[in-house]
Protein backbone atom coordinates (compact mmCIF):
# COMPACT_ATOMS: atom_id res chain seq x y z
CA MET A 1 -281.80 -142.17 40.08
CA LEU A 2 -278.35 -142.18 40.24
CA LYS A 3 -277.76 -145.44 42.69
CA ASP A 4 -280.08 -147.13 40.10
CA VAL A 5 -277.19 -146.77 37.20
CA ILE A 6 -274.41 -147.48 39.61
CA ASP A 7 -272.61 -151.28 38.95
CA PRO A 8 -271.23 -152.94 41.83
CA ASP A 9 -269.90 -155.47 39.28
CA LEU A 10 -268.06 -152.76 37.81
CA LEU A 11 -266.66 -151.17 40.57
CA ASN A 12 -265.64 -154.36 41.47
CA ARG A 13 -263.85 -154.84 38.18
CA PHE A 14 -262.72 -151.63 38.29
CA GLU A 15 -261.00 -151.88 41.76
CA ALA A 16 -259.03 -154.90 41.10
CA GLY A 17 -257.86 -153.42 38.10
CA LEU A 18 -256.95 -150.09 39.23
CA ASP A 19 -253.12 -148.82 39.01
CA PRO A 20 -253.49 -145.79 41.34
CA ARG A 21 -250.13 -144.50 40.24
CA ASN A 22 -251.77 -144.12 36.78
CA PRO A 23 -255.34 -144.33 36.88
CA HIS A 24 -255.58 -143.79 33.05
CA LEU A 25 -253.29 -147.31 32.53
CA SER A 26 -255.57 -149.12 34.74
CA ALA A 27 -257.66 -152.37 33.15
CA ILE A 28 -260.59 -150.29 33.05
CA SER A 29 -259.45 -146.78 32.51
CA ALA A 30 -260.25 -143.72 34.76
CA ARG A 31 -260.04 -139.99 33.37
CA ILE A 32 -258.75 -137.47 36.36
CA ILE A 33 -261.22 -134.39 36.17
CA GLY A 34 -260.23 -132.85 39.33
CA TYR A 35 -257.81 -132.60 42.43
CA GLY A 36 -258.76 -131.90 46.28
CA GLU A 37 -256.40 -131.59 49.22
CA MET A 38 -257.42 -134.95 50.00
CA SER A 39 -258.84 -136.92 47.14
CA THR A 40 -259.22 -137.00 43.39
CA ILE A 41 -262.52 -136.81 41.45
CA PHE A 42 -262.75 -139.20 38.18
CA VAL A 43 -264.90 -140.42 35.80
CA ILE A 44 -264.67 -144.41 34.51
CA ASP A 45 -264.16 -144.88 30.88
CA HIS A 46 -266.90 -147.34 30.65
CA PRO A 47 -270.51 -147.29 28.90
CA GLY A 48 -272.94 -145.49 31.04
CA GLN A 49 -270.52 -143.79 33.39
CA ALA A 50 -269.73 -140.58 31.58
CA HIS A 51 -272.34 -138.58 33.45
CA ILE A 52 -270.85 -139.89 36.97
CA ALA A 53 -268.07 -138.27 38.93
CA TYR A 54 -266.60 -140.52 41.51
CA LYS A 55 -264.36 -140.14 44.70
CA ARG A 56 -262.84 -143.14 46.05
CA MET A 57 -261.98 -143.79 49.04
CA PRO A 58 -259.79 -146.80 50.75
CA ILE A 59 -260.02 -146.17 54.55
CA PHE A 60 -262.14 -148.52 55.70
CA ARG A 61 -261.43 -151.66 57.66
CA THR A 62 -264.72 -152.80 58.99
CA ASP A 63 -268.24 -152.88 57.74
CA ALA A 64 -269.35 -151.13 60.52
CA GLU A 65 -266.93 -148.19 59.52
CA MET A 66 -268.40 -148.08 56.00
CA ASP A 67 -271.91 -148.28 57.61
CA ALA A 68 -271.18 -145.51 59.75
CA TYR A 69 -269.52 -143.52 56.99
CA GLU A 70 -272.54 -144.14 54.62
CA ARG A 71 -274.85 -143.15 56.78
CA LEU A 72 -273.03 -139.81 57.62
CA PHE A 73 -272.63 -138.98 54.07
CA GLU A 74 -276.46 -139.16 53.45
CA ALA A 75 -277.33 -137.24 56.17
CA TYR A 76 -274.59 -134.78 55.09
CA ASN A 77 -276.14 -134.57 51.91
CA THR A 78 -280.01 -134.40 52.79
CA GLY A 79 -279.05 -132.45 55.80
CA LEU A 80 -277.76 -129.71 53.33
CA GLY A 81 -280.52 -129.91 51.31
CA ARG A 82 -282.91 -129.00 54.13
CA VAL A 83 -280.99 -125.92 55.28
CA GLY A 84 -281.50 -124.59 51.61
CA LEU A 85 -278.12 -125.80 49.43
CA GLN A 86 -278.51 -127.95 46.15
CA VAL A 87 -276.69 -130.80 45.71
CA PRO A 88 -276.34 -132.59 42.56
CA GLU A 89 -277.76 -135.82 42.57
CA TRP A 90 -275.48 -138.68 44.90
CA ALA A 91 -275.19 -142.12 45.89
CA SER A 92 -272.43 -144.35 47.32
CA ALA A 93 -271.45 -147.83 46.89
CA ARG A 94 -268.92 -150.39 48.66
CA VAL A 95 -266.14 -152.68 47.59
CA VAL A 96 -264.85 -154.96 49.56
CA PRO A 97 -261.05 -156.37 47.92
CA LYS A 98 -259.99 -159.73 48.84
CA ARG A 99 -256.64 -157.73 50.29
CA GLY A 100 -256.42 -154.36 52.03
CA ASN A 101 -258.65 -152.11 53.68
CA ARG A 102 -262.62 -151.75 52.44
CA ILE A 103 -263.60 -148.90 49.92
CA VAL A 104 -266.69 -146.60 49.75
CA TYR A 105 -266.90 -144.68 46.37
CA THR A 106 -269.06 -141.79 46.57
CA ALA A 107 -270.66 -140.83 43.34
CA GLN A 108 -272.41 -137.77 41.99
CA ALA A 109 -273.91 -136.75 39.43
CA ARG A 110 -271.23 -134.98 36.85
CA LEU A 111 -271.84 -131.16 35.86
CA PRO A 112 -269.95 -129.13 32.75
CA SER A 113 -266.58 -128.42 33.62
CA SER A 114 -267.38 -124.99 32.48
CA SER A 115 -269.95 -124.42 34.90
CA ILE A 116 -267.48 -125.21 38.29
CA GLY A 117 -266.39 -122.16 40.31
CA ASN A 118 -262.55 -122.33 39.67
CA ALA A 119 -263.11 -122.55 35.88
CA LEU A 120 -265.37 -119.41 35.91
CA LEU A 121 -262.56 -117.42 37.62
CA HIS A 122 -260.84 -117.44 34.39
CA THR A 123 -263.99 -117.11 32.13
CA LEU A 124 -266.17 -114.37 33.72
CA ALA A 125 -265.76 -110.78 33.69
CA GLU A 126 -264.91 -109.18 37.15
CA GLY A 127 -268.20 -107.64 37.82
CA SER A 128 -269.58 -111.13 37.44
CA ILE A 129 -266.97 -112.97 39.43
CA GLY A 130 -268.04 -110.62 42.15
CA LEU A 131 -271.83 -111.07 41.49
CA LEU A 132 -270.85 -115.32 41.70
CA PHE A 133 -269.14 -115.03 45.07
CA GLY A 134 -271.64 -112.96 46.55
CA CYS A 135 -273.96 -115.85 45.62
CA VAL A 136 -271.59 -118.32 47.30
CA LEU A 137 -271.66 -115.85 50.65
CA ARG A 138 -275.35 -116.40 50.65
CA GLU A 139 -275.51 -120.47 50.07
CA LEU A 140 -273.03 -119.93 52.95
CA ALA A 141 -275.16 -117.82 55.22
CA LYS A 142 -277.85 -120.66 54.94
CA VAL A 143 -275.82 -123.28 56.53
CA PHE A 144 -274.41 -120.75 59.05
CA ALA A 145 -278.03 -119.51 59.92
CA SER A 146 -278.92 -122.72 60.85
CA HIS A 147 -276.53 -123.41 63.45
CA ARG A 148 -278.99 -120.77 65.39
CA VAL A 149 -282.07 -122.45 64.56
CA HIS A 150 -280.65 -126.05 65.54
CA PRO A 151 -277.65 -125.65 67.73
CA SER A 152 -277.74 -129.44 68.62
CA LEU A 153 -277.54 -130.49 64.61
CA ILE A 154 -275.24 -128.66 62.79
CA PHE A 155 -273.23 -128.74 59.78
CA GLY A 156 -269.60 -127.73 58.81
CA ILE A 157 -268.91 -126.91 54.85
CA ASP A 158 -265.99 -126.00 52.91
CA GLY A 159 -266.64 -122.87 50.59
CA GLN A 160 -263.64 -123.01 48.38
CA ILE A 161 -264.84 -121.82 45.22
CA SER A 162 -263.98 -124.94 42.89
CA ASN A 163 -266.91 -126.82 45.89
CA TRP A 164 -269.49 -124.56 43.52
CA ALA A 165 -271.15 -124.46 40.34
CA LEU A 166 -273.57 -122.62 38.44
CA LYS A 167 -276.94 -124.21 38.16
CA HIS A 168 -277.85 -122.64 35.30
CA GLY A 169 -276.23 -120.27 32.80
CA ARG A 170 -272.81 -120.62 30.48
CA ALA A 171 -269.35 -120.00 31.35
CA ASP A 172 -269.55 -116.88 29.80
CA GLY A 173 -272.38 -115.55 31.75
CA PRO A 174 -274.73 -114.25 32.87
CA VAL A 175 -274.63 -113.96 36.42
CA THR A 176 -276.54 -112.20 38.57
CA GLU A 177 -277.36 -112.10 42.52
CA ALA A 178 -280.00 -114.43 42.11
CA SER A 179 -277.97 -117.11 40.63
CA GLU A 180 -278.36 -120.60 41.33
CA LEU A 181 -275.52 -122.58 42.42
CA TRP A 182 -274.86 -126.45 43.29
CA TYR A 183 -272.33 -127.69 46.09
CA LEU A 184 -270.33 -130.20 45.05
CA ASP A 185 -267.96 -131.25 48.09
CA THR A 186 -270.06 -133.59 50.30
CA GLY A 187 -267.39 -136.47 50.37
CA THR A 188 -266.39 -135.43 54.03
CA PRO A 189 -269.21 -135.12 55.96
CA LEU A 190 -269.10 -132.24 58.45
CA ILE A 191 -271.80 -132.99 61.30
CA ARG A 192 -271.80 -132.08 65.04
CA ARG A 193 -274.52 -133.41 67.24
CA ASP A 194 -274.30 -131.65 70.58
CA GLY A 195 -271.04 -130.47 70.05
CA VAL A 196 -269.77 -133.98 69.08
CA GLU A 197 -268.06 -134.13 65.74
CA GLN A 198 -269.72 -137.36 64.11
CA LEU A 199 -267.00 -137.89 61.12
CA ASP A 200 -264.23 -139.85 62.71
CA PRO A 201 -261.10 -138.01 61.72
CA GLU A 202 -258.85 -141.04 62.43
CA LEU A 203 -260.36 -142.16 59.15
CA PHE A 204 -258.79 -139.65 57.13
CA LEU A 205 -255.54 -139.77 59.01
CA ARG A 206 -255.10 -143.69 57.77
CA CYS A 207 -253.79 -142.35 54.40
CA THR A 208 -251.51 -140.24 56.27
CA PRO A 209 -247.77 -141.51 56.28
CA SER A 210 -247.56 -143.50 59.60
CA PHE A 211 -244.42 -141.04 60.38
CA LEU A 212 -246.38 -137.89 60.39
CA VAL A 213 -249.70 -139.05 62.05
CA TRP A 214 -248.67 -138.27 65.36
CA LEU A 215 -247.40 -134.50 63.99
CA ILE A 216 -250.84 -134.32 61.90
CA ARG A 217 -252.76 -135.36 64.83
CA LEU A 218 -251.03 -132.99 67.26
CA LEU A 219 -250.65 -129.52 65.33
CA PHE A 220 -253.07 -129.60 62.58
CA LEU A 221 -256.09 -131.76 62.99
CA GLU A 222 -258.16 -130.06 65.61
CA ASP A 223 -257.68 -126.71 63.00
CA VAL A 224 -258.84 -128.45 59.95
CA MET A 225 -261.94 -130.18 62.10
CA THR A 226 -262.71 -126.92 63.40
CA ARG A 227 -262.48 -124.12 60.72
CA TYR A 228 -265.14 -125.33 58.61
CA TYR A 229 -267.63 -124.42 61.49
CA ASP A 230 -266.44 -120.75 61.66
CA PHE A 231 -267.97 -118.64 59.19
CA ARG A 232 -265.52 -115.77 59.05
CA LYS A 233 -262.85 -118.56 58.76
CA VAL A 234 -264.62 -120.14 56.00
CA THR A 235 -265.04 -116.69 54.07
CA ILE A 236 -261.03 -116.00 54.41
CA ASP A 237 -260.36 -119.55 52.97
CA LEU A 238 -262.69 -118.84 50.10
CA ILE A 239 -261.21 -115.97 49.34
CA ALA A 240 -257.49 -116.97 49.86
CA ASN A 241 -258.46 -119.68 47.48
CA VAL A 242 -257.70 -117.20 44.41
CA TYR A 243 -254.29 -117.30 45.00
CA LYS A 244 -253.99 -121.11 44.32
CA GLU A 245 -256.30 -120.32 40.83
CA GLN A 246 -253.67 -117.60 39.93
CA ARG A 247 -255.90 -114.95 40.54
CA PRO A 248 -254.72 -112.98 43.13
CA GLU A 249 -255.59 -109.73 41.33
CA LEU A 250 -259.28 -110.53 42.58
CA ILE A 251 -258.52 -110.44 45.86
CA PRO A 252 -259.46 -106.49 46.91
CA LEU A 253 -262.72 -107.30 44.80
CA LEU A 254 -263.69 -110.26 46.82
CA LEU A 255 -262.64 -108.36 50.20
CA ALA A 256 -265.11 -105.65 49.02
CA THR A 257 -267.53 -107.78 48.16
CA ALA A 258 -267.18 -109.63 51.76
CA ASN A 259 -267.25 -106.65 53.80
CA ARG A 260 -270.27 -105.11 52.02
CA PHE A 261 -271.86 -108.56 52.87
CA PHE A 262 -271.69 -108.56 56.43
CA ALA A 263 -271.97 -105.42 56.99
CA GLY A 264 -275.11 -105.08 54.96
CA GLU A 265 -277.41 -108.40 54.76
CA GLY A 266 -274.97 -110.75 56.35
CA ALA A 267 -274.89 -108.50 59.74
CA ASP A 268 -276.57 -110.50 61.82
CA PHE A 269 -273.40 -112.94 61.87
CA GLY A 270 -271.56 -110.08 63.53
CA ILE A 271 -268.38 -110.82 61.45
CA ALA A 272 -265.76 -108.44 61.98
CA PRO A 273 -264.50 -106.99 58.62
CA LEU A 274 -262.08 -108.88 56.81
CA ALA A 275 -258.41 -107.54 55.84
CA ALA A 276 -256.12 -108.58 52.95
CA GLU A 277 -252.92 -109.09 55.34
CA GLU A 278 -254.61 -112.18 57.03
CA VAL A 279 -255.99 -113.63 53.92
CA SER A 280 -252.39 -113.67 52.72
CA ALA A 281 -250.81 -114.96 56.04
CA TYR A 282 -253.84 -117.89 55.69
CA TYR A 283 -252.92 -118.74 52.47
CA ARG A 284 -249.20 -119.12 53.19
CA GLN A 285 -249.62 -121.17 56.22
CA ASP A 286 -252.07 -123.36 54.40
CA ALA A 287 -250.21 -123.62 51.22
CA MET A 288 -247.12 -124.73 53.41
CA ILE A 289 -249.31 -127.65 55.20
CA TRP A 290 -250.51 -128.86 52.37
CA ARG A 291 -247.58 -128.41 50.31
CA VAL A 292 -245.38 -130.49 52.70
CA TYR A 293 -248.43 -133.31 53.26
CA LEU A 294 -248.11 -134.19 49.76
CA ALA A 295 -244.45 -134.41 49.61
CA PHE A 296 -244.94 -136.58 52.53
CA ARG A 297 -247.65 -138.94 50.87
CA LYS A 298 -245.34 -139.39 47.59
CA ILE A 299 -242.47 -140.32 49.94
CA ASP A 300 -244.44 -142.54 51.60
CA ARG A 301 -245.76 -144.06 47.93
CA PHE A 302 -242.13 -144.52 47.08
CA LEU A 303 -241.34 -146.27 50.41
CA HIS A 304 -244.34 -148.69 49.86
CA ARG A 305 -243.46 -149.45 46.04
CA HIS A 306 -239.71 -149.80 46.41
CA VAL A 307 -238.61 -150.53 50.29
CA LEU A 308 -241.68 -152.28 51.79
CA ARG A 309 -242.84 -153.92 48.54
CA GLU A 310 -246.36 -153.46 49.15
CA PRO A 311 -249.40 -151.86 46.99
CA TYR A 312 -249.91 -147.93 47.72
CA VAL A 313 -253.38 -147.81 47.76
CA TYR A 314 -254.29 -144.07 47.38
CA ILE A 315 -254.57 -141.73 44.39
CA LEU A 316 -252.15 -139.04 44.95
CA PRO A 317 -253.09 -135.41 43.55
CA ALA A 318 -250.37 -134.39 40.65
CA ALA A 319 -248.44 -131.19 41.24
CA ILE A 320 -250.39 -128.49 42.70
CA ARG A 321 -249.92 -124.86 41.65
CA ARG A 322 -250.10 -122.22 44.26
């Protein structure tokens, strides 16, 4: 099992020698293999670690906070499995450095990069991309159908194409309507019990520059924390994501696929047809939010290093093309 091959001593030594600005130059080097808006996915360059993808979350101040997060992380992974999604083998481990926040590392069995959705957008033929998108919608439907079966315990999900991977098959196909997918993004465990969000959003605000926290909380936090429980918004976000992946010419294909799905096998969800204008408007707003957010985090890093003379503990994404 993955948990059995994670070495807590290695993670402690890795953390002690980590250069968050240049992970590849750390005492134990790390290779970045993916970027999200809030986190970075990397592999630790050490024997026995090549098959593990890590995310590092240095946002916890107490053992109780780590306990709660790890319980929620486990519940999210197992819960998605119960509703029918397939999740790669996963585990978590913690590090308590001599100074600063406590850290949880989430780990997942690493998959071939060519099997991951954003790579497939650039290798598959258009017809296969349409089939892949249909498979993603069917997986999402499992999650949102479970809301009606168990309304007291529901799961949110970020359906972006980079969060999916083909379970079987090659980068050049074939893809069919029955292709099996892995779901990858379980590090932000979105669970509501009796309408109450179980993940404390204040934890994730800790990586926000202090001078921006009030603004993010006021203007954006509720939208970000609720959009992933709405099938229509998740689908719009999924389609809009192809702008970020530099494939806007796919928008008509994906819109047609989504509208056909919601008029046919997904008709029970009662989702109104999607239009190109709302997808592009959504993407413009979302891209602006994350572009500004990342710019201010880089300013915060500069202030920590050169004004406050304090370490900046977060690994920031490189420039993201939009």
